[in-house]
């Protein structure tokens, strides 16, 4: 059963546009009294601005309204004031050190008074410079955090996707009908409320668990359970538009800018809390995780049409993948590994599907490349997304300080992941293709009953 409760707000007017004066990801010193700093990201200014051509291409290809010249101008101003601040701070340290030496050596009272006065003057200058720097820093960092990740070489920069794989072709002669006409299996109220019944309800759970088991057994993944709620700081770290998820209404909120959002456990962002400020040994890499859970995504409701259906429903069960590697080439191999496992699953169902690279305009600022798994929806006469695997590079890891230690320095990890399956959309497509859900074969189905019995027995053993 699916039904969203009124435990969240639709968002205040300031949040509807995602225009915020204060970032939860980066808080300057003048605002630290009112809002505690949850995370201080690694800001790689030199790395970001070193390849200006790639950055400009990324901004233009994504269609972002970002003036790079303006950001660079603010960066120069920020660097200049930082240099002034560092110079005064260094001079103050010299004066403090000299004062200690003269005091110990028995210097004259006049010399000591002069140094003390100079120290006070430098302290006041330092305080004044800091106050002047705060608005400059806030203005620049706010713009800097909106800069996108560089695009992968394989990412299409035009408006068309790039076909990677296709299985089966749609049958044009088939008389199409909407899955919503199957009232025996689906009771649909609106995009926020619908109910799976009978075989649809069984398939909803079995497909999710079957795919997760296959990833564990054949892909060397570890299955996890993730939180359904994610703090704003992690959404900002992943450059996720705040309008993608529902803002949760909280009472007695201590940090008013780091609010909670309802994402579901099967969301990429739900993994980030466990990875924040985490340093792992290279020997444990790659980290491969898979999880089953809910996915609540408001952005998914805009699929080229306003007609409500399971294809545009706000919530669904899903299977989410997450992989961390040390190098970029390893991340590419892991993305291919996930896609190959997904292909095995969808080929078993024998439904027309394909995998494409999404064009740059469809990517979030954090993504450098996105592979989309699409099945053909007869009622819509087009392919719809049932999963996607994205390559984030080290863009997100730098923001959440997720790293590995190699000798005497730290390397930020390269992340790959995304939902491999949205069950509701798959069920809708299967019904429209005339499949009987109880007859659909899935990977791992033969051993599913045995696995469930073992899990039940392990649970009973806890109470012996």
Protein backbone atom coordinates (compact mmCIF):
# COMPACT_ATOMS: atom_id res chain seq x y z
CA UNK A 1 0.00 0.00 0.00
CA UNK A 2 1.28 3.45 -0.92
CA UNK A 3 -0.08 6.63 0.67
CA UNK A 4 1.84 9.77 1.55
CA UNK A 5 0.94 11.21 4.94
CA UNK A 6 0.81 14.89 5.74
CA UNK A 7 4.03 14.73 7.72
CA UNK A 8 5.83 17.12 5.42
CA UNK A 9 5.25 20.61 4.09
CA UNK A 10 5.05 21.43 0.45
CA UNK A 11 7.66 24.08 1.25
CA UNK A 12 7.74 27.70 2.21
CA UNK A 13 7.93 30.32 -0.53
CA UNK A 14 11.64 30.79 0.05
CA UNK A 15 12.20 27.11 -0.53
CA UNK A 16 10.03 26.78 -3.62
CA UNK A 17 12.60 28.59 -5.72
CA UNK A 18 15.55 26.98 -3.93
CA UNK A 19 16.93 30.46 -3.50
CA UNK A 20 18.60 30.56 -0.10
CA UNK A 21 20.69 33.24 1.54
CA UNK A 22 22.47 30.73 3.77
CA UNK A 23 23.92 27.42 2.69
CA UNK A 24 23.68 24.45 5.04
CA UNK A 25 26.82 23.06 3.40
CA UNK A 26 29.00 26.11 4.02
CA UNK A 27 28.44 28.50 6.93
CA UNK A 28 30.66 31.56 7.37
CA UNK A 29 31.94 32.59 10.80
CA UNK A 30 29.46 35.44 11.28
CA UNK A 31 26.53 32.98 11.03
CA UNK A 32 28.12 30.24 13.13
CA UNK A 33 26.59 31.65 16.32
CA UNK A 34 23.05 30.96 15.11
CA UNK A 35 23.73 27.82 13.05
CA UNK A 36 26.26 25.17 13.95
CA UNK A 37 28.55 23.88 11.21
CA UNK A 38 27.58 20.30 10.32
CA UNK A 39 30.14 19.83 7.57
CA UNK A 40 32.99 21.87 6.15
CA UNK A 41 33.52 20.66 2.55
CA UNK A 42 36.84 20.55 0.74
CA UNK A 43 36.74 23.42 -1.73
CA UNK A 44 39.13 22.65 -4.56
CA UNK A 45 39.34 26.12 -6.15
CA UNK A 46 42.49 25.41 -8.14
CA UNK A 47 41.17 22.10 -9.42
CA UNK A 48 37.84 23.62 -10.40
CA UNK A 49 39.24 26.62 -12.26
CA UNK A 50 42.33 24.93 -13.73
CA UNK A 51 40.44 23.61 -16.79
CA UNK A 52 38.27 26.58 -17.61
CA UNK A 53 37.33 25.26 -21.05
CA UNK A 54 35.83 22.04 -19.64
CA UNK A 55 33.96 24.00 -16.98
CA UNK A 56 32.51 26.40 -19.55
CA UNK A 57 31.46 23.46 -21.74
CA UNK A 58 29.79 21.77 -18.77
CA UNK A 59 27.82 24.92 -17.91
CA UNK A 60 26.77 25.57 -21.50
CA UNK A 61 25.87 21.93 -22.32
CA UNK A 62 23.70 21.66 -19.22
CA UNK A 63 21.92 24.91 -20.05
CA UNK A 64 22.75 26.46 -16.68
CA UNK A 65 22.33 30.17 -16.09
CA UNK A 66 25.77 30.69 -14.55
CA UNK A 67 28.13 33.51 -15.49
CA UNK A 68 31.61 32.05 -15.08
CA UNK A 69 33.26 35.45 -15.51
CA UNK A 70 31.27 36.77 -12.58
CA UNK A 71 32.26 33.80 -10.42
CA UNK A 72 35.94 34.24 -11.33
CA UNK A 73 35.75 37.94 -10.49
CA UNK A 74 34.31 37.12 -7.07
CA UNK A 75 37.03 34.52 -6.61
CA UNK A 76 39.77 37.08 -7.27
CA UNK A 77 38.20 39.46 -4.78
CA UNK A 78 37.91 36.63 -2.27
CA UNK A 79 41.57 35.64 -2.77
CA UNK A 80 42.76 39.24 -2.41
CA UNK A 81 41.00 39.72 0.93
CA UNK A 82 42.22 36.33 2.11
CA UNK A 83 45.80 37.37 1.30
CA UNK A 84 45.36 40.59 3.29
CA UNK A 85 43.94 38.65 6.21
CA UNK A 86 46.80 36.15 6.11
CA UNK A 87 49.37 38.97 6.01
CA UNK A 88 47.92 40.70 9.08
CA UNK A 89 47.61 37.38 10.93
CA UNK A 90 51.24 36.55 10.15
CA UNK A 91 52.42 39.98 11.35
CA UNK A 92 50.45 39.57 14.56
CA UNK A 93 52.12 36.20 15.20
CA UNK A 94 55.53 37.83 14.72
CA UNK A 95 54.64 40.58 17.22
CA UNK A 96 53.31 38.04 19.73
CA UNK A 97 56.46 35.96 19.42
CA UNK A 98 58.70 39.03 19.79
CA UNK A 99 56.76 40.18 22.86
CA UNK A 100 57.30 36.81 24.54
CA UNK A 101 61.01 36.91 23.77
CA UNK A 102 61.47 40.44 25.16
CA UNK A 103 59.44 39.65 28.26
CA UNK A 104 61.61 36.62 28.92
CA UNK A 105 64.84 38.56 28.20
CA UNK A 106 63.82 41.50 30.38
CA UNK A 107 63.17 44.14 27.73
CA UNK A 108 62.43 47.75 28.57
CA UNK A 109 58.94 48.84 29.54
CA UNK A 110 58.80 51.19 26.54
CA UNK A 111 59.57 48.35 24.09
CA UNK A 112 57.01 46.08 25.71
CA UNK A 113 54.31 48.78 25.64
CA UNK A 114 54.98 49.49 21.97
CA UNK A 115 54.66 45.81 21.08
CA UNK A 116 51.48 45.48 23.13
CA UNK A 117 49.92 48.47 21.39
CA UNK A 118 50.99 47.10 18.02
CA UNK A 119 49.48 43.74 18.93
CA UNK A 120 46.16 45.36 19.90
CA UNK A 121 46.11 47.34 16.67
CA UNK A 122 46.75 44.24 14.59
CA UNK A 123 44.06 42.33 16.51
CA UNK A 124 41.53 45.06 15.72
CA UNK A 125 42.65 45.13 12.09
CA UNK A 126 42.25 41.35 11.91
CA UNK A 127 38.76 41.55 13.34
CA UNK A 128 37.79 44.30 10.88
CA UNK A 129 39.14 42.34 7.91
CA UNK A 130 37.24 39.24 8.99
CA UNK A 131 33.99 41.20 9.17
CA UNK A 132 34.64 42.59 5.69
CA UNK A 133 35.50 39.13 4.35
CA UNK A 134 32.34 37.37 5.55
CA UNK A 135 29.92 38.88 2.96
CA UNK A 136 32.57 38.51 0.22
CA UNK A 137 33.16 34.89 1.20
CA UNK A 138 29.44 34.14 1.47
CA UNK A 139 28.72 35.66 -1.94
CA UNK A 140 31.51 33.80 -3.70
CA UNK A 141 31.08 30.39 -1.99
CA UNK A 142 27.33 30.48 -2.67
CA UNK A 143 28.07 30.82 -6.40
CA UNK A 144 30.98 28.37 -6.30
CA UNK A 145 28.82 25.60 -4.83
CA UNK A 146 26.45 25.96 -7.79
CA UNK A 147 29.20 25.23 -10.32
CA UNK A 148 28.63 21.83 -11.97
CA UNK A 149 30.85 18.79 -12.25
CA UNK A 150 32.87 18.43 -15.46
CA UNK A 151 31.17 16.24 -18.04
CA UNK A 152 32.44 12.78 -18.86
CA UNK A 153 33.83 12.32 -22.38
CA UNK A 154 31.01 9.86 -23.17
CA UNK A 155 28.25 12.27 -22.12
CA UNK A 156 26.20 13.56 -25.09
CA UNK A 157 26.44 17.35 -25.19
CA UNK A 158 23.65 17.80 -27.72
CA UNK A 159 19.97 17.29 -27.11
CA UNK A 160 19.83 13.61 -28.07
CA UNK A 161 20.64 10.57 -25.96
CA UNK A 162 23.24 8.00 -27.02
CA UNK A 163 22.08 4.38 -27.42
CA UNK A 164 24.25 1.81 -25.61
CA UNK A 165 22.16 -1.35 -25.61
CA UNK A 166 18.75 -2.53 -26.81
CA UNK A 167 16.81 -5.71 -26.19
CA UNK A 168 13.73 -6.42 -28.26
CA UNK A 169 11.64 -4.04 -30.33
CA UNK A 170 8.20 -2.65 -29.55
CA UNK A 171 5.31 -4.28 -31.41
CA UNK A 172 3.56 -1.45 -33.17
CA UNK A 173 0.56 -3.59 -34.10
CA UNK A 174 -0.28 -4.26 -30.44
CA UNK A 175 -3.43 -2.51 -29.27
CA UNK A 176 -2.32 -0.34 -26.39
CA UNK A 177 -4.25 0.15 -23.17
CA UNK A 178 -3.39 1.90 -19.93
CA UNK A 179 -2.25 -0.11 -16.94
CA UNK A 180 -4.73 1.92 -14.87
CA UNK A 181 -7.56 -0.06 -16.49
CA UNK A 182 -6.43 -3.09 -14.47
CA UNK A 183 -8.60 -2.27 -11.46
CA UNK A 184 -8.16 -5.82 -10.16
CA UNK A 185 -4.45 -5.14 -9.59
CA UNK A 186 -4.14 -1.37 -9.13
CA UNK A 187 -6.33 1.06 -7.22
CA UNK A 188 -5.03 4.44 -8.36
CA UNK A 189 -6.21 7.65 -6.66
CA UNK A 190 -3.53 10.13 -7.71
CA UNK A 191 0.25 10.34 -8.02
CA UNK A 192 0.63 10.40 -4.23
CA UNK A 193 -1.85 7.61 -3.44
CA UNK A 194 -2.21 4.23 -5.06
CA UNK A 195 -2.54 0.62 -3.92
CA UNK A 196 -1.08 -2.56 -5.37
CA UNK A 197 -3.26 -5.67 -5.03
CA UNK A 198 -2.95 -9.41 -5.49
CA UNK A 199 -0.18 -10.40 -7.95
CA UNK A 200 0.89 -6.80 -8.45
CA UNK A 201 1.63 -6.48 -4.73
CA UNK A 202 3.57 -9.77 -4.73
CA UNK A 203 5.55 -8.83 -7.83
CA UNK A 204 6.31 -5.39 -6.35
CA UNK A 205 8.19 -6.98 -3.45
CA UNK A 206 9.57 -10.06 -5.19
CA UNK A 207 11.12 -8.14 -8.09
CA UNK A 208 12.88 -5.79 -5.70
CA UNK A 209 14.23 -8.56 -3.49
CA UNK A 210 15.18 -10.76 -6.45
CA UNK A 211 17.29 -8.07 -8.06
CA UNK A 212 19.00 -7.19 -4.76
CA UNK A 213 19.86 -10.87 -4.16
CA UNK A 214 21.33 -11.11 -7.64
CA UNK A 215 23.58 -8.11 -6.99
CA UNK A 216 24.74 -9.67 -3.73
CA UNK A 217 25.45 -13.13 -5.14
CA UNK A 218 26.73 -12.31 -8.61
CA UNK A 219 28.01 -8.75 -8.21
CA UNK A 220 29.75 -9.02 -4.81
CA UNK A 221 27.54 -6.28 -3.35
CA UNK A 222 26.65 -5.81 0.32
CA UNK A 223 22.97 -5.23 1.08
CA UNK A 224 22.20 -2.32 3.41
CA UNK A 225 19.22 -0.57 5.00
CA UNK A 226 19.19 3.22 4.69
CA UNK A 227 17.28 6.07 6.37
CA UNK A 228 14.18 7.51 4.69
CA UNK A 229 15.05 11.08 5.69
CA UNK A 230 18.07 13.11 4.60
CA UNK A 231 19.32 16.43 5.94
CA UNK A 232 19.56 19.43 3.65
CA UNK A 233 23.36 19.54 3.98
CA UNK A 234 23.61 16.19 2.17
CA UNK A 235 21.24 17.29 -0.60
CA UNK A 236 23.43 20.34 -1.13
CA UNK A 237 26.54 18.16 -1.07
CA UNK A 238 25.02 16.10 -3.90
CA UNK A 239 23.84 19.28 -5.67
CA UNK A 240 20.30 17.90 -5.54
CA UNK A 241 17.59 20.51 -6.24
CA UNK A 242 15.59 20.91 -3.04
CA UNK A 243 12.38 20.75 -5.05
CA UNK A 244 13.11 17.08 -5.87
CA UNK A 245 11.97 15.97 -2.42
CA UNK A 246 9.35 16.88 0.17
CA UNK A 247 10.38 19.18 3.01
CA UNK A 248 9.54 17.66 6.40
CA UNK A 249 7.80 19.71 9.07
CA UNK A 250 9.79 19.46 12.31
CA UNK A 251 9.13 20.86 15.75
CA UNK A 252 11.90 22.27 17.94
CA UNK A 253 14.41 22.26 15.10
CA UNK A 254 17.82 23.33 16.45
CA UNK A 255 19.53 24.03 13.15
CA UNK A 256 16.89 25.83 11.09
CA UNK A 257 18.83 25.75 7.83
CA UNK A 258 19.67 22.03 7.97
CA UNK A 259 16.12 20.78 7.57
CA UNK A 260 15.06 17.21 6.78
CA UNK A 261 13.65 15.92 3.50
CA UNK A 262 11.73 12.75 2.72
CA UNK A 263 13.79 10.83 0.16
CA UNK A 264 13.19 7.17 0.95
CA UNK A 265 15.86 4.61 1.78
CA UNK A 266 16.37 3.76 -1.89
CA UNK A 267 17.88 7.14 -2.75
CA UNK A 268 21.49 7.91 -3.56
CA UNK A 269 21.50 10.72 -0.98
CA UNK A 270 20.45 8.29 1.77
CA UNK A 271 23.92 6.68 1.55
CA UNK A 272 25.81 9.95 1.99
CA UNK A 273 25.26 10.33 5.74
CA UNK A 274 27.16 7.12 6.46
CA UNK A 275 29.98 8.17 4.11
CA UNK A 276 30.41 11.73 5.40
CA UNK A 277 33.85 12.37 6.96
CA UNK A 278 34.71 8.70 6.41
CA UNK A 279 38.26 7.63 5.58
CA UNK A 280 38.70 4.02 4.41
CA UNK A 281 41.71 1.84 3.64
CA UNK A 282 42.46 1.26 -0.07
CA UNK A 283 42.36 -2.49 0.58
CA UNK A 284 38.56 -2.42 1.11
CA UNK A 285 37.89 -0.73 -2.23
CA UNK A 286 35.77 -0.90 -4.25
CA UNK A 287 32.88 -0.51 -1.82
CA UNK A 288 29.75 -2.00 -3.38
CA UNK A 289 26.38 -1.49 -1.69
CA UNK A 290 22.80 -2.30 -2.71
CA UNK A 291 19.55 -1.63 -0.87
CA UNK A 292 15.79 -2.09 -1.22
CA UNK A 293 13.40 0.58 -0.06
CA UNK A 294 11.07 3.41 -0.94
CA UNK A 295 11.86 6.24 -3.30
CA UNK A 296 9.97 9.55 -2.95
CA UNK A 297 10.93 11.84 -5.79
CA UNK A 298 8.84 14.81 -6.83
CA UNK A 299 11.08 15.49 -9.85
CA UNK A 300 10.07 12.18 -11.40
CA UNK A 301 6.48 13.37 -11.87
CA UNK A 302 7.36 15.48 -14.91
CA UNK A 303 7.83 12.84 -17.60
CA UNK A 304 6.71 14.70 -20.73
CA UNK A 305 3.08 14.77 -19.70
CA UNK A 306 0.72 15.82 -16.93
CA UNK A 307 -1.37 12.61 -17.01
CA UNK A 308 -1.13 10.87 -13.60
CA UNK A 309 -0.10 7.21 -13.71
CA UNK A 310 2.37 4.78 -12.20
CA UNK A 311 4.94 6.19 -14.62
CA UNK A 312 4.74 9.58 -12.89
CA UNK A 313 3.89 8.50 -9.34
CA UNK A 314 5.69 10.34 -6.56
CA UNK A 315 6.66 7.17 -4.73
CA UNK A 316 7.70 3.64 -5.59
CA UNK A 317 9.68 0.71 -4.29
CA UNK A 318 13.20 0.74 -5.71
CA UNK A 319 16.60 -0.93 -5.70
CA UNK A 320 19.45 1.53 -5.14
CA UNK A 321 23.15 0.95 -5.88
CA UNK A 322 26.18 2.76 -4.48
CA UNK A 323 29.84 2.12 -5.36
CA UNK A 324 33.04 3.92 -4.30
CA UNK A 325 36.40 3.48 -6.05
CA UNK A 326 39.83 5.05 -5.78
CA UNK A 327 40.33 5.98 -9.44
CA UNK A 328 38.23 7.35 -12.27
CA UNK A 329 38.86 4.37 -14.57
CA UNK A 330 37.73 2.00 -11.83
CA UNK A 331 34.51 3.98 -11.46
CA UNK A 332 33.82 3.55 -15.18
CA UNK A 333 34.31 -0.21 -14.86
CA UNK A 334 31.95 -0.35 -11.88
CA UNK A 335 29.27 1.54 -13.79
CA UNK A 336 29.55 -1.00 -16.59
CA UNK A 337 29.44 -3.80 -14.02
CA UNK A 338 26.15 -2.50 -12.57
CA UNK A 339 24.64 -2.11 -16.03
CA UNK A 340 25.57 -5.67 -16.99
CA UNK A 341 23.85 -7.01 -13.87
CA UNK A 342 20.78 -4.91 -14.65
CA UNK A 343 20.71 -6.21 -18.23
CA UNK A 344 20.64 -9.79 -16.91
CA UNK A 345 17.58 -8.94 -14.83
CA UNK A 346 15.58 -7.19 -17.55
CA UNK A 347 16.46 -9.80 -20.18
CA UNK A 348 14.95 -12.46 -17.94
CA UNK A 349 11.65 -10.56 -18.01
CA UNK A 350 11.94 -10.40 -21.82
CA UNK A 351 10.44 -6.94 -22.14
CA UNK A 352 11.58 -4.40 -24.78
CA UNK A 353 14.14 -2.20 -23.05
CA UNK A 354 17.22 -0.18 -23.82
CA UNK A 355 20.08 1.65 -22.10
CA UNK A 356 21.07 5.15 -23.19
CA UNK A 357 23.42 7.88 -22.08
CA UNK A 358 21.27 10.87 -21.10
CA UNK A 359 22.14 14.25 -22.66
CA UNK A 360 23.92 16.81 -20.48
CA UNK A 361 20.79 18.94 -20.04
CA UNK A 362 19.09 16.13 -18.09
CA UNK A 363 21.94 15.68 -15.61
CA UNK A 364 22.09 17.14 -12.12
CA UNK A 365 25.09 19.42 -11.45
CA UNK A 366 26.85 16.60 -9.56
CA UNK A 367 26.59 14.02 -12.35
CA UNK A 368 29.26 13.73 -15.01
CA UNK A 369 27.54 10.85 -16.85
CA UNK A 370 24.15 9.11 -16.56
CA UNK A 371 23.14 5.78 -18.07
CA UNK A 372 19.36 5.39 -18.15
CA UNK A 373 17.53 2.04 -18.21
CA UNK A 374 14.29 2.44 -20.16
CA UNK A 375 11.41 0.07 -20.92
CA UNK A 376 8.87 0.63 -23.65
CA UNK A 377 5.45 1.83 -22.44
CA UNK A 378 2.77 0.94 -25.03
CA UNK A 379 0.18 3.39 -23.69
CA UNK A 380 2.63 6.26 -24.06
CA UNK A 381 4.21 4.98 -27.28
CA UNK A 382 7.68 5.74 -25.94
CA UNK A 383 10.36 4.51 -23.57
CA UNK A 384 10.21 5.42 -19.87
CA UNK A 385 12.95 5.36 -17.25
CA UNK A 386 12.90 2.42 -14.83
CA UNK A 387 16.41 2.99 -13.48
CA UNK A 388 19.57 5.02 -13.92
CA UNK A 389 23.25 4.70 -13.00
CA UNK A 390 25.30 7.87 -12.65
CA UNK A 391 29.01 8.61 -12.46
CA UNK A 392 29.79 11.44 -10.01
CA UNK A 393 33.59 11.34 -10.12
CA UNK A 394 35.04 12.80 -6.91
CA UNK A 395 32.68 15.81 -7.01
CA UNK A 396 30.45 14.62 -4.14
CA UNK A 397 33.25 13.02 -2.12
CA UNK A 398 35.07 16.34 -1.83
CA UNK A 399 31.92 17.91 -0.41
CA UNK A 400 31.31 15.20 2.20
CA UNK A 401 35.01 14.47 2.89
CA UNK A 402 34.78 10.82 1.82
CA UNK A 403 38.36 9.68 1.24
CA UNK A 404 41.03 7.04 1.39
CA UNK A 405 44.51 7.45 2.81
CA UNK A 406 47.41 6.64 0.50
CA UNK A 407 50.83 6.94 2.14
CA UNK A 408 50.86 10.46 3.66
CA UNK A 409 48.00 12.12 1.80
CA UNK A 410 44.30 11.62 1.19
CA UNK A 411 42.49 10.85 -2.07
CA UNK A 412 38.81 11.60 -2.52
CA UNK A 413 36.83 8.63 -3.80
CA UNK A 414 34.99 8.35 -7.10
CA UNK A 415 31.30 7.50 -6.72
CA UNK A 416 28.93 5.60 -9.00
CA UNK A 417 25.35 4.66 -8.28
CA UNK A 418 21.65 5.13 -8.74
CA UNK A 419 18.32 3.30 -8.75
CA UNK A 420 18.58 0.13 -10.82
CA UNK A 421 14.83 -0.49 -10.65
CA UNK A 422 11.63 1.46 -10.05
CA UNK A 423 9.11 -1.34 -9.45
CA UNK A 424 5.91 0.66 -10.08
CA UNK A 425 7.00 1.72 -13.55
CA UNK A 426 8.09 -1.79 -14.44
CA UNK A 427 4.75 -3.23 -13.31
CA UNK A 428 2.90 -0.64 -15.41
CA UNK A 429 4.90 -1.55 -18.52
CA UNK A 430 4.54 -5.31 -17.99
CA UNK A 431 0.77 -5.03 -17.66
CA UNK A 432 0.53 -2.96 -20.82
CA UNK A 433 2.58 -5.56 -22.69
CA UNK A 434 0.06 -8.19 -21.64
CA UNK A 435 2.30 -10.06 -19.21
CA UNK A 436 0.81 -12.13 -16.40
CA UNK A 437 2.80 -11.01 -13.36
CA UNK A 438 2.51 -14.41 -11.66
CA UNK A 439 4.23 -16.02 -14.67
CA UNK A 440 7.10 -13.53 -14.96
CA UNK A 441 10.46 -15.16 -14.35
CA UNK A 442 12.97 -13.27 -12.26
CA UNK A 443 16.59 -13.88 -11.35
CA UNK A 444 16.91 -15.80 -8.11
CA UNK A 445 13.21 -16.72 -7.94
CA UNK A 446 13.96 -20.42 -7.61
CA UNK A 447 15.81 -19.90 -4.34
CA UNK A 448 13.59 -17.08 -3.08
CA UNK A 449 11.36 -19.38 -1.01
CA UNK A 450 14.35 -21.09 0.60
CA UNK A 451 15.94 -17.74 1.40
CA UNK A 452 12.73 -16.43 2.98
CA UNK A 453 12.43 -19.57 5.12
CA UNK A 454 16.03 -19.18 6.28
CA UNK A 455 15.46 -15.52 7.14
CA UNK A 456 12.32 -16.42 9.09
CA UNK A 457 14.13 -19.16 10.99
CA UNK A 458 16.99 -16.79 11.89
CA UNK A 459 14.43 -14.33 13.23
CA UNK A 460 12.76 -17.05 15.33
CA UNK A 461 16.15 -18.14 16.69
CA UNK A 462 16.60 -14.72 18.25
CA UNK A 463 13.86 -15.50 20.75
CA UNK A 464 15.11 -18.93 21.83
